[in-house]
Amino acid sequence: VQLVESGGSLVQPGGSLRLSCAASGFTFSNYAMSWYRQVPGKERELVAAISRAGSTTNYADSVKGRFTISRSNAKNTVFLQMNGLSSEDTAVYYCNVRRQSISYWGQGTQVTVAS
């Protein structure tokens, strides 16, 4: 299993970013996918999750209405569209899949929101 995140960068408050996570090594369309984020000194927190077919999504209260998770099963990729970013969204963002009771993570992509 390999998960490779991309798209993180420095962005001004109020700006937008789109993160991508390219998956390989498993049948992507058979698994729900999630995005987490982590700030130094804090636990990793769930940001958003999407079902296998993309018909069901869930969000942390802190990002509802601002972030959108989506997926392309044809491209084995999951996305996180982030709008209305604030400094509180600064974190390393990780892609996650739970497969056969094992949780797999990508290397993370840094999102920094600052002026």
Protein backbone atom coordinates (compact mmCIF):
# COMPACT_ATOMS: atom_id res chain seq x y z
CA VAL A 1 0.00 0.00 0.00
CA GLN A 2 1.33 3.41 -0.94
CA LEU A 3 -0.29 6.78 -0.36
CA VAL A 4 1.34 9.92 -1.74
CA GLU A 5 -0.07 13.31 -0.77
CA SER A 6 0.56 16.51 -2.67
CA GLY A 7 -0.75 20.04 -2.97
CA GLY A 8 0.23 21.56 0.34
CA SER A 9 1.80 24.99 0.39
CA LEU A 10 1.80 28.42 2.02
CA VAL A 11 -1.49 30.25 1.49
CA GLN A 12 -2.96 33.48 2.80
CA PRO A 13 -5.93 33.51 5.18
CA GLY A 14 -9.15 33.16 3.24
CA GLY A 15 -7.40 31.31 0.43
CA SER A 16 -7.96 27.89 -1.04
CA LEU A 17 -5.93 24.76 -1.67
CA ARG A 18 -6.65 21.39 -3.20
CA LEU A 19 -4.82 18.41 -1.78
CA SER A 20 -4.44 15.14 -3.66
CA CYS A 21 -3.57 11.66 -2.49
CA ALA A 22 -2.51 9.10 -5.08
CA ALA A 23 -3.07 5.54 -3.90
CA SER A 24 -1.53 2.29 -5.12
CA GLY A 25 -0.98 -1.28 -4.00
CA PHE A 26 -4.61 -2.09 -3.25
CA THR A 27 -8.01 -2.00 -4.91
CA PHE A 28 -8.79 1.63 -4.29
CA SER A 29 -12.49 1.47 -5.07
CA ASN A 30 -13.03 -1.14 -2.34
CA TYR A 31 -12.05 1.13 0.54
CA ALA A 32 -13.22 4.24 2.28
CA MET A 33 -10.60 6.96 2.43
CA SER A 34 -9.87 9.69 4.94
CA TRP A 35 -7.89 12.85 5.44
CA TYR A 36 -6.33 13.65 8.82
CA ARG A 37 -4.23 16.53 10.01
CA GLN A 38 -1.71 17.01 12.78
CA VAL A 39 -0.16 19.99 14.50
CA PRO A 40 3.07 19.51 16.48
CA GLY A 41 2.30 18.52 20.05
CA LYS A 42 -1.27 17.51 19.28
CA GLU A 43 -2.94 14.29 18.28
CA ARG A 44 -3.72 13.57 14.68
CA GLU A 45 -7.36 14.47 14.01
CA LEU A 46 -9.84 13.28 11.42
CA VAL A 47 -10.74 16.00 8.94
CA ALA A 48 -12.93 14.22 6.40
CA ALA A 49 -13.85 10.76 5.17
CA ILE A 50 -15.47 9.39 2.05
CA SER A 51 -17.13 6.07 1.29
CA ARG A 52 -15.97 3.63 -1.36
CA ALA A 53 -18.22 4.98 -4.09
CA GLY A 54 -18.04 8.55 -2.87
CA SER A 55 -21.72 8.72 -2.02
CA THR A 56 -21.20 9.36 1.69
CA THR A 57 -18.92 11.94 3.25
CA ASN A 58 -18.24 13.03 6.81
CA TYR A 59 -16.45 16.08 8.15
CA ALA A 60 -15.04 17.40 11.37
CA ASP A 61 -17.19 20.21 12.73
CA SER A 62 -14.28 22.60 12.36
CA VAL A 63 -14.18 22.22 8.57
CA LYS A 64 -17.84 21.68 7.66
CA GLY A 65 -18.94 24.04 4.93
CA ARG A 66 -15.35 24.90 4.00
CA PHE A 67 -13.72 21.61 3.01
CA THR A 68 -14.91 19.06 0.46
CA ILE A 69 -13.58 15.52 0.12
CA SER A 70 -13.98 13.71 -3.18
CA ARG A 71 -12.44 10.80 -5.03
CA SER A 72 -11.77 9.45 -8.48
CA ASN A 73 -11.82 5.68 -8.49
CA ALA A 74 -10.69 5.77 -12.12
CA LYS A 75 -7.51 7.61 -11.06
CA ASN A 76 -7.06 5.99 -7.63
CA THR A 77 -6.97 9.44 -6.09
CA VAL A 78 -8.71 11.17 -3.22
CA PHE A 79 -8.93 14.95 -2.98
CA LEU A 80 -9.48 17.54 -0.31
CA GLN A 81 -10.69 20.93 -1.50
CA MET A 82 -10.09 23.49 1.24
CA ASN A 83 -11.69 26.92 1.07
CA GLY A 84 -11.80 29.77 3.53
CA LEU A 85 -8.54 28.73 5.12
CA SER A 86 -7.48 30.19 8.45
CA SER A 87 -4.37 29.93 10.59
CA GLU A 88 -6.11 27.20 12.57
CA ASP A 89 -5.95 24.99 9.50
CA THR A 90 -2.16 25.05 9.51
CA ALA A 91 -1.02 21.45 9.88
CA VAL A 92 0.47 18.48 8.12
CA TYR A 93 -2.31 16.74 6.22
CA TYR A 94 -2.27 12.97 5.84
CA CYS A 95 -4.16 10.57 3.66
CA ASN A 96 -5.36 7.36 5.31
CA VAL A 97 -6.84 4.01 4.40
CA ARG A 98 -7.77 1.28 6.83
CA ARG A 99 -7.34 -2.13 5.26
CA GLN A 100 -7.68 -5.44 7.07
CA SER A 101 -7.45 -3.74 10.46
CA ILE A 102 -4.22 -1.99 9.48
CA SER A 103 -4.10 1.75 9.09
CA TYR A 104 -1.88 3.08 6.31
CA TRP A 105 -0.60 6.63 6.06
CA GLY A 106 1.10 8.77 3.48
CA GLN A 107 4.10 10.95 4.25
CA GLY A 108 1.93 14.03 4.68
CA THR A 109 1.82 17.42 3.00
CA GLN A 110 2.35 20.70 4.85
CA VAL A 111 -0.36 23.34 4.72
CA THR A 112 0.58 26.70 6.20
CA VAL A 113 -1.94 29.52 6.39
CA ALA A 114 -0.27 32.85 7.06
CA SER A 115 -0.07 36.38 5.72
